[in-house]
Amino acid sequence: MRTYKLKHIDAFTDRAYTGNPAAVIMHAEGLSDEEMQKIAREMNLSETAFVLPATDDSYDLELRWMTPRTEVKLCGHATIAAFHALAEVKLYDLGQDGERELRVKTRSGVLPIRVHQSDSKVRVTMGLPVPKFRPYKGQKFELCQAFAVPTELLDNSLPVWLSDNDYIYIPFVSREPLLKMKPSIADLKVLSQKYHITGFCAFTTDTKYETSAAHSRFFAPLLGIDEDPVTGSAQGPLAVYLYQNGRVTGEGRVPVTLEQGYEIDRGGRVWAELEVKNGEVCNLWISGYAVTVMNAEIYI
């Protein structure tokens, strides 16, 4: 029997039992793909992160992310959780006040990570690929039927777009229908298969906090995630969507605050930052804090 140390961490929050929970295995070497998937299924969180050492000088470490059902190419909150965990145990030269930059190998390529620590608070910043969008070719009434809302609750001043990681962005006129809606997970699965949709981001620019640019909910039933509390891989592209549609403006470094998860009592916030040159988004980052709520051991 082998033993692996595991941390259970709430990400995109600075308060325990809010934000998005993730499990982190900090020394995942020796685990097979099948064993990683079994651990993720056992944890039954939206993602479990597995940290692996580098095998060459082109990167500092490797991250893999598993939902209870499958491996995914990109995950924001489990990355925030992973580097919070590594800083706690002072791996990879983390754990000291100041900022450390690392290169992380993922299925989405080698991504830049900045870990800033001050007075025991760890803020993790993750570089994301700048998304490309395409128009949704389906019918809006199908989306409304799956979300169990009338079509007039969609914001027709904004488009329904799909990103290149197959997330669909659906604008609502206000926060109230997002709060009350009870989508049919079965219908969302049908639409996922019909239109190759990995996740549904229903959002509005009517926000809980004045400093936020958008409020959203996220559903990914084909990945085994009926509803995700705070989804970094969706919030980063949402910031770009808002910029490209004129709801966020500016040149140079453009900060965008986004909120999610309050309807399911797991509220959290993502700080996105766009680097804009001549009206084009050139780079994208998301940042957040995290809180450890459990240290444990798991047996294989």
Protein backbone atom coordinates (compact mmCIF):
# COMPACT_ATOMS: atom_id res chain seq x y z
CA MET A 1 0.00 0.00 0.00
CA ARG A 2 1.27 3.48 -0.93
CA THR A 3 0.44 6.69 0.91
CA TYR A 4 0.05 10.15 -0.65
CA LYS A 5 -0.38 13.42 1.21
CA LEU A 6 -3.41 15.42 0.13
CA LYS A 7 -4.72 18.90 0.84
CA HIS A 8 -8.34 20.02 0.50
CA ILE A 9 -8.32 23.73 -0.39
CA ASP A 10 -10.99 26.35 -1.09
CA ALA A 11 -9.85 28.58 -3.97
CA PHE A 12 -10.80 32.07 -5.16
CA THR A 13 -11.65 33.06 -1.61
CA ASP A 14 -9.97 34.07 1.65
CA ARG A 15 -12.64 32.43 3.85
CA ALA A 16 -13.00 28.71 4.50
CA TYR A 17 -16.05 26.88 3.15
CA THR A 18 -16.62 29.39 0.36
CA GLY A 19 -15.14 29.62 -3.13
CA ASN A 20 -14.34 26.49 -5.13
CA PRO A 21 -12.91 23.43 -3.36
CA ALA A 22 -10.13 21.36 -4.92
CA ALA A 23 -7.95 18.50 -3.76
CA VAL A 24 -4.20 18.68 -4.33
CA ILE A 25 -1.68 15.82 -4.42
CA MET A 26 1.70 17.58 -4.21
CA HIS A 27 3.90 14.52 -4.91
CA ALA A 28 1.97 12.64 -7.60
CA GLU A 29 4.94 10.83 -9.15
CA GLY A 30 4.31 7.09 -9.25
CA LEU A 31 0.57 7.42 -9.80
CA SER A 32 -0.83 5.95 -13.00
CA ASP A 33 -3.51 7.70 -15.04
CA GLU A 34 -6.04 5.18 -13.75
CA GLU A 35 -5.03 5.79 -10.13
CA MET A 36 -5.28 9.56 -10.57
CA GLN A 37 -8.77 9.18 -11.97
CA LYS A 38 -9.79 6.91 -9.10
CA ILE A 39 -8.54 9.47 -6.58
CA ALA A 40 -10.45 12.27 -8.32
CA ARG A 41 -13.59 10.16 -8.33
CA GLU A 42 -13.13 9.37 -4.65
CA MET A 43 -12.65 13.05 -3.75
CA ASN A 44 -15.77 13.89 -5.81
CA LEU A 45 -14.79 17.55 -6.18
CA SER A 46 -15.00 19.43 -9.46
CA GLU A 47 -11.21 19.00 -9.84
CA THR A 48 -8.29 17.29 -8.19
CA ALA A 49 -4.82 18.62 -9.05
CA PHE A 50 -1.75 16.40 -9.34
CA VAL A 51 1.70 18.00 -9.11
CA LEU A 52 4.55 16.25 -10.94
CA PRO A 53 8.26 17.17 -11.13
CA ALA A 54 9.81 18.50 -14.33
CA THR A 55 11.58 16.06 -16.63
CA ASP A 56 13.55 18.73 -18.57
CA ASP A 57 14.62 22.38 -18.26
CA SER A 58 11.79 23.84 -20.36
CA TYR A 59 9.44 24.04 -17.34
CA ASP A 60 9.54 23.93 -13.53
CA LEU A 61 6.77 21.45 -12.76
CA GLU A 62 3.77 19.75 -14.31
CA LEU A 63 0.11 20.02 -13.35
CA ARG A 64 -2.68 17.64 -14.30
CA TRP A 65 -6.34 18.13 -13.43
CA MET A 66 -9.02 15.46 -13.09
CA THR A 67 -12.76 15.84 -12.62
CA PRO A 68 -14.60 12.85 -11.11
CA ARG A 69 -15.13 11.68 -14.70
CA THR A 70 -12.24 12.76 -16.91
CA GLU A 71 -8.98 14.69 -17.29
CA VAL A 72 -9.32 18.32 -18.41
CA LYS A 73 -6.93 20.59 -20.31
CA LEU A 74 -7.30 23.65 -18.11
CA CYS A 75 -8.47 24.45 -14.58
CA GLY A 76 -8.13 27.75 -12.79
CA HIS A 77 -9.25 27.08 -9.23
CA ALA A 78 -7.28 23.84 -8.82
CA THR A 79 -4.17 25.70 -10.04
CA ILE A 80 -4.69 28.43 -7.44
CA ALA A 81 -5.17 25.67 -4.85
CA ALA A 82 -2.07 23.76 -6.00
CA PHE A 83 0.30 26.71 -5.65
CA HIS A 84 -1.26 27.72 -2.34
CA ALA A 85 -0.49 24.16 -1.16
CA LEU A 86 3.07 24.24 -2.50
CA ALA A 87 3.72 27.57 -0.77
CA GLU A 88 2.43 26.17 2.53
CA VAL A 89 4.97 23.35 2.48
CA LYS A 90 7.71 25.51 0.89
CA LEU A 91 8.23 23.43 -2.24
CA TYR A 92 9.71 24.85 -5.47
CA ASP A 93 11.36 27.72 -3.55
CA LEU A 94 7.95 29.00 -2.42
CA GLY A 95 6.86 29.99 1.06
CA GLN A 96 8.96 33.14 1.53
CA ASP A 97 7.75 36.74 1.29
CA GLY A 98 8.18 38.10 -2.23
CA GLU A 99 7.24 36.91 -5.71
CA ARG A 100 8.30 33.78 -7.56
CA GLU A 101 7.66 33.03 -11.24
CA LEU A 102 7.32 29.47 -12.52
CA ARG A 103 6.66 27.72 -15.82
CA VAL A 104 4.03 25.01 -15.56
CA LYS A 105 3.54 22.23 -18.09
CA THR A 106 -0.15 21.45 -18.74
CA ARG A 107 -2.29 19.94 -21.46
CA SER A 108 -2.88 23.56 -22.57
CA GLY A 109 0.85 24.18 -23.00
CA VAL A 110 3.45 25.70 -20.68
CA LEU A 111 1.68 28.42 -18.67
CA PRO A 112 3.26 31.21 -16.58
CA ILE A 113 2.50 31.33 -12.85
CA ARG A 114 3.35 34.09 -10.36
CA VAL A 115 3.15 33.38 -6.62
CA HIS A 116 3.23 36.46 -4.40
CA GLN A 117 3.48 35.99 -0.65
CA SER A 118 3.29 38.67 2.01
CA ASP A 119 2.53 38.24 5.73
CA SER A 120 1.52 34.60 5.17
CA LYS A 121 -1.03 35.53 2.49
CA VAL A 122 -0.47 33.84 -0.86
CA ARG A 123 -1.85 35.30 -4.07
CA VAL A 124 -1.50 33.14 -7.16
CA THR A 125 -1.61 34.61 -10.67
CA MET A 126 -2.05 32.29 -13.64
CA GLY A 127 -1.52 33.13 -17.31
CA LEU A 128 -4.21 31.79 -19.64
CA PRO A 129 -4.32 31.50 -23.42
CA VAL A 130 -6.27 34.42 -24.91
CA PRO A 131 -9.54 32.83 -26.09
CA LYS A 132 -11.02 32.96 -29.55
CA PHE A 133 -14.79 33.08 -29.90
CA ARG A 134 -17.30 31.95 -32.49
CA PRO A 135 -21.06 32.56 -32.73
CA TYR A 136 -23.43 29.96 -31.31
CA LYS A 137 -25.20 28.26 -34.23
CA GLY A 138 -28.07 26.77 -32.22
CA GLN A 139 -31.39 28.26 -31.20
CA LYS A 140 -31.69 30.47 -28.13
CA PHE A 141 -34.99 28.84 -27.20
CA GLU A 142 -33.14 25.53 -26.69
CA LEU A 143 -30.85 27.19 -24.17
CA CYS A 144 -33.79 28.83 -22.41
CA GLN A 145 -35.66 25.53 -22.31
CA ALA A 146 -32.65 23.83 -20.69
CA PHE A 147 -32.31 26.67 -18.18
CA ALA A 148 -36.09 26.73 -17.59
CA VAL A 149 -36.35 30.49 -18.22
CA PRO A 150 -38.31 32.53 -20.80
CA THR A 151 -36.34 33.87 -23.78
CA GLU A 152 -36.96 37.51 -22.78
CA LEU A 153 -34.61 37.01 -19.82
CA LEU A 154 -31.66 36.76 -22.20
CA ASP A 155 -29.80 40.03 -22.89
CA ASN A 156 -30.18 40.56 -26.63
CA SER A 157 -27.68 43.43 -26.58
CA LEU A 158 -24.90 40.84 -26.15
CA PRO A 159 -24.13 37.80 -28.34
CA VAL A 160 -24.16 34.13 -27.38
CA TRP A 161 -20.61 32.97 -28.10
CA LEU A 162 -18.60 29.78 -27.84
CA SER A 163 -14.94 29.92 -26.84
CA ASP A 164 -12.23 27.72 -28.33
CA ASN A 165 -12.33 25.53 -25.21
CA ASP A 166 -16.02 24.93 -26.02
CA TYR A 167 -17.52 27.00 -23.21
CA ILE A 168 -20.70 28.84 -24.16
CA TYR A 169 -21.36 32.35 -22.81
CA ILE A 170 -25.04 33.20 -22.34
CA PRO A 171 -25.92 36.78 -21.28
CA PHE A 172 -28.89 37.38 -18.95
CA VAL A 173 -30.62 40.72 -18.38
CA SER A 174 -30.26 40.64 -14.58
CA ARG A 175 -29.05 38.62 -11.61
CA GLU A 176 -32.52 37.63 -10.35
CA PRO A 177 -33.18 34.92 -12.99
CA LEU A 178 -29.70 33.51 -12.40
CA LEU A 179 -30.48 33.30 -8.70
CA LYS A 180 -33.80 31.54 -9.22
CA MET A 181 -33.21 29.31 -12.24
CA LYS A 182 -33.07 25.55 -11.87
CA PRO A 183 -31.64 24.15 -15.11
CA SER A 184 -32.34 20.67 -16.38
CA ILE A 185 -29.01 18.84 -16.21
CA ALA A 186 -30.39 16.22 -18.63
CA ASP A 187 -31.25 18.93 -21.20
CA LEU A 188 -27.83 20.55 -20.76
CA LYS A 189 -26.21 17.18 -21.50
CA VAL A 190 -28.25 16.90 -24.70
CA LEU A 191 -27.15 20.37 -25.83
CA SER A 192 -23.54 19.57 -24.87
CA GLN A 193 -23.55 16.58 -27.18
CA LYS A 194 -25.49 18.28 -29.97
CA TYR A 195 -23.33 21.43 -30.17
CA HIS A 196 -20.03 20.17 -28.66
CA ILE A 197 -20.36 22.33 -25.54
CA THR A 198 -18.09 21.51 -22.61
CA GLY A 199 -19.44 24.11 -20.18
CA PHE A 200 -22.26 26.64 -19.88
CA CYS A 201 -21.46 30.08 -18.43
CA ALA A 202 -24.69 31.97 -17.75
CA PHE A 203 -23.82 35.53 -16.72
CA THR A 204 -25.08 39.06 -16.26
CA THR A 205 -23.48 42.46 -15.85
CA ASP A 206 -25.95 43.10 -12.99
CA THR A 207 -23.63 42.22 -10.11
CA LYS A 208 -23.70 41.64 -6.36
CA TYR A 209 -20.71 43.93 -5.81
CA GLU A 210 -20.28 47.31 -7.48
CA THR A 211 -16.64 46.59 -8.31
CA SER A 212 -17.51 43.43 -10.28
CA ALA A 213 -17.95 43.45 -14.06
CA ALA A 214 -20.11 40.29 -14.22
CA HIS A 215 -21.92 37.72 -12.08
CA SER A 216 -22.19 34.17 -13.36
CA ARG A 217 -23.08 30.50 -12.85
CA PHE A 218 -21.30 27.62 -14.57
CA PHE A 219 -22.46 24.10 -15.49
CA ALA A 220 -20.44 21.26 -17.05
CA PRO A 221 -22.50 18.06 -16.76
CA LEU A 222 -20.52 16.11 -19.36
CA LEU A 223 -17.45 16.53 -17.13
CA GLY A 224 -19.39 15.27 -14.11
CA ILE A 225 -19.87 18.82 -12.75
CA ASP A 226 -23.54 19.76 -12.46
CA GLU A 227 -22.62 23.23 -11.13
CA ASP A 228 -19.15 24.62 -10.42
CA PRO A 229 -18.79 27.31 -7.73
CA VAL A 230 -16.01 29.58 -9.12
CA THR A 231 -14.54 28.62 -12.49
CA GLY A 232 -11.26 30.31 -13.37
CA SER A 233 -11.07 28.75 -16.84
CA ALA A 234 -14.46 30.35 -17.62
CA GLN A 235 -13.98 33.67 -15.84
CA GLY A 236 -10.76 34.58 -17.65
CA PRO A 237 -12.35 34.22 -21.11
CA LEU A 238 -15.46 36.02 -19.81
CA ALA A 239 -13.27 39.06 -19.10
CA VAL A 240 -12.10 38.97 -22.73
CA TYR A 241 -15.71 38.54 -23.94
CA LEU A 242 -16.74 41.62 -21.94
CA TYR A 243 -13.88 43.64 -23.40
CA GLN A 244 -14.64 42.60 -26.97
CA ASN A 245 -18.27 43.60 -26.47
CA GLY A 246 -17.57 46.99 -24.95
CA ARG A 247 -18.62 46.22 -21.37
CA VAL A 248 -15.02 46.61 -20.20
CA THR A 249 -12.79 49.29 -21.70
CA GLY A 250 -9.23 50.53 -21.48
CA GLU A 251 -5.68 50.19 -22.82
CA GLY A 252 -2.59 48.72 -21.24
CA ARG A 253 -3.27 46.69 -18.09
CA VAL A 254 -7.05 46.43 -17.66
CA PRO A 255 -8.31 44.87 -14.39
CA VAL A 256 -11.61 42.98 -14.40
CA THR A 257 -13.25 41.58 -11.24
CA LEU A 258 -15.72 38.71 -11.66
CA GLU A 259 -18.00 36.94 -9.17
CA GLN A 260 -19.58 33.48 -9.08
CA GLY A 261 -21.01 30.84 -6.77
CA TYR A 262 -23.23 32.91 -4.47
CA GLU A 263 -26.41 31.06 -5.48
CA ILE A 264 -24.99 27.84 -4.04
CA ASP A 265 -23.41 29.45 -0.95
CA ARG A 266 -19.88 29.06 -2.34
CA GLY A 267 -19.32 32.65 -3.43
CA GLY A 268 -15.91 33.71 -4.66
CA ARG A 269 -14.21 36.31 -6.83
CA VAL A 270 -11.71 36.09 -9.66
CA TRP A 271 -9.39 38.97 -10.46
CA ALA A 272 -8.68 38.95 -14.19
CA GLU A 273 -6.21 41.25 -15.91
CA LEU A 274 -6.09 41.98 -19.62
CA GLU A 275 -3.07 43.34 -21.45
CA VAL A 276 -4.54 45.44 -24.26
CA LYS A 277 -2.64 47.01 -27.15
CA ASN A 278 -4.46 49.05 -29.81
CA GLY A 279 -7.80 47.58 -28.74
CA GLU A 280 -6.62 43.96 -28.90
CA VAL A 281 -6.22 41.67 -25.90
CA CYS A 282 -2.66 40.33 -26.05
CA ASN A 283 -2.38 38.56 -22.70
CA LEU A 284 -4.73 37.28 -20.02
CA TRP A 285 -4.16 36.52 -16.33
CA ILE A 286 -6.40 35.42 -13.48
CA SER A 287 -5.55 35.75 -9.79
CA GLY A 288 -6.95 34.56 -6.50
CA TYR A 289 -6.38 33.54 -2.92
CA ALA A 290 -7.09 30.20 -1.25
CA VAL A 291 -7.63 28.63 2.18
CA THR A 292 -6.62 25.13 3.31
CA VAL A 293 -9.45 23.36 5.14
CA MET A 294 -8.00 19.84 5.43
CA ASN A 295 -4.71 17.95 5.45
CA ALA A 296 -5.04 14.22 4.88
CA GLU A 297 -3.47 11.03 3.55
CA ILE A 298 -4.89 8.85 0.84
CA TYR A 299 -3.98 5.19 0.28
CA ILE A 300 -3.46 3.41 -3.02
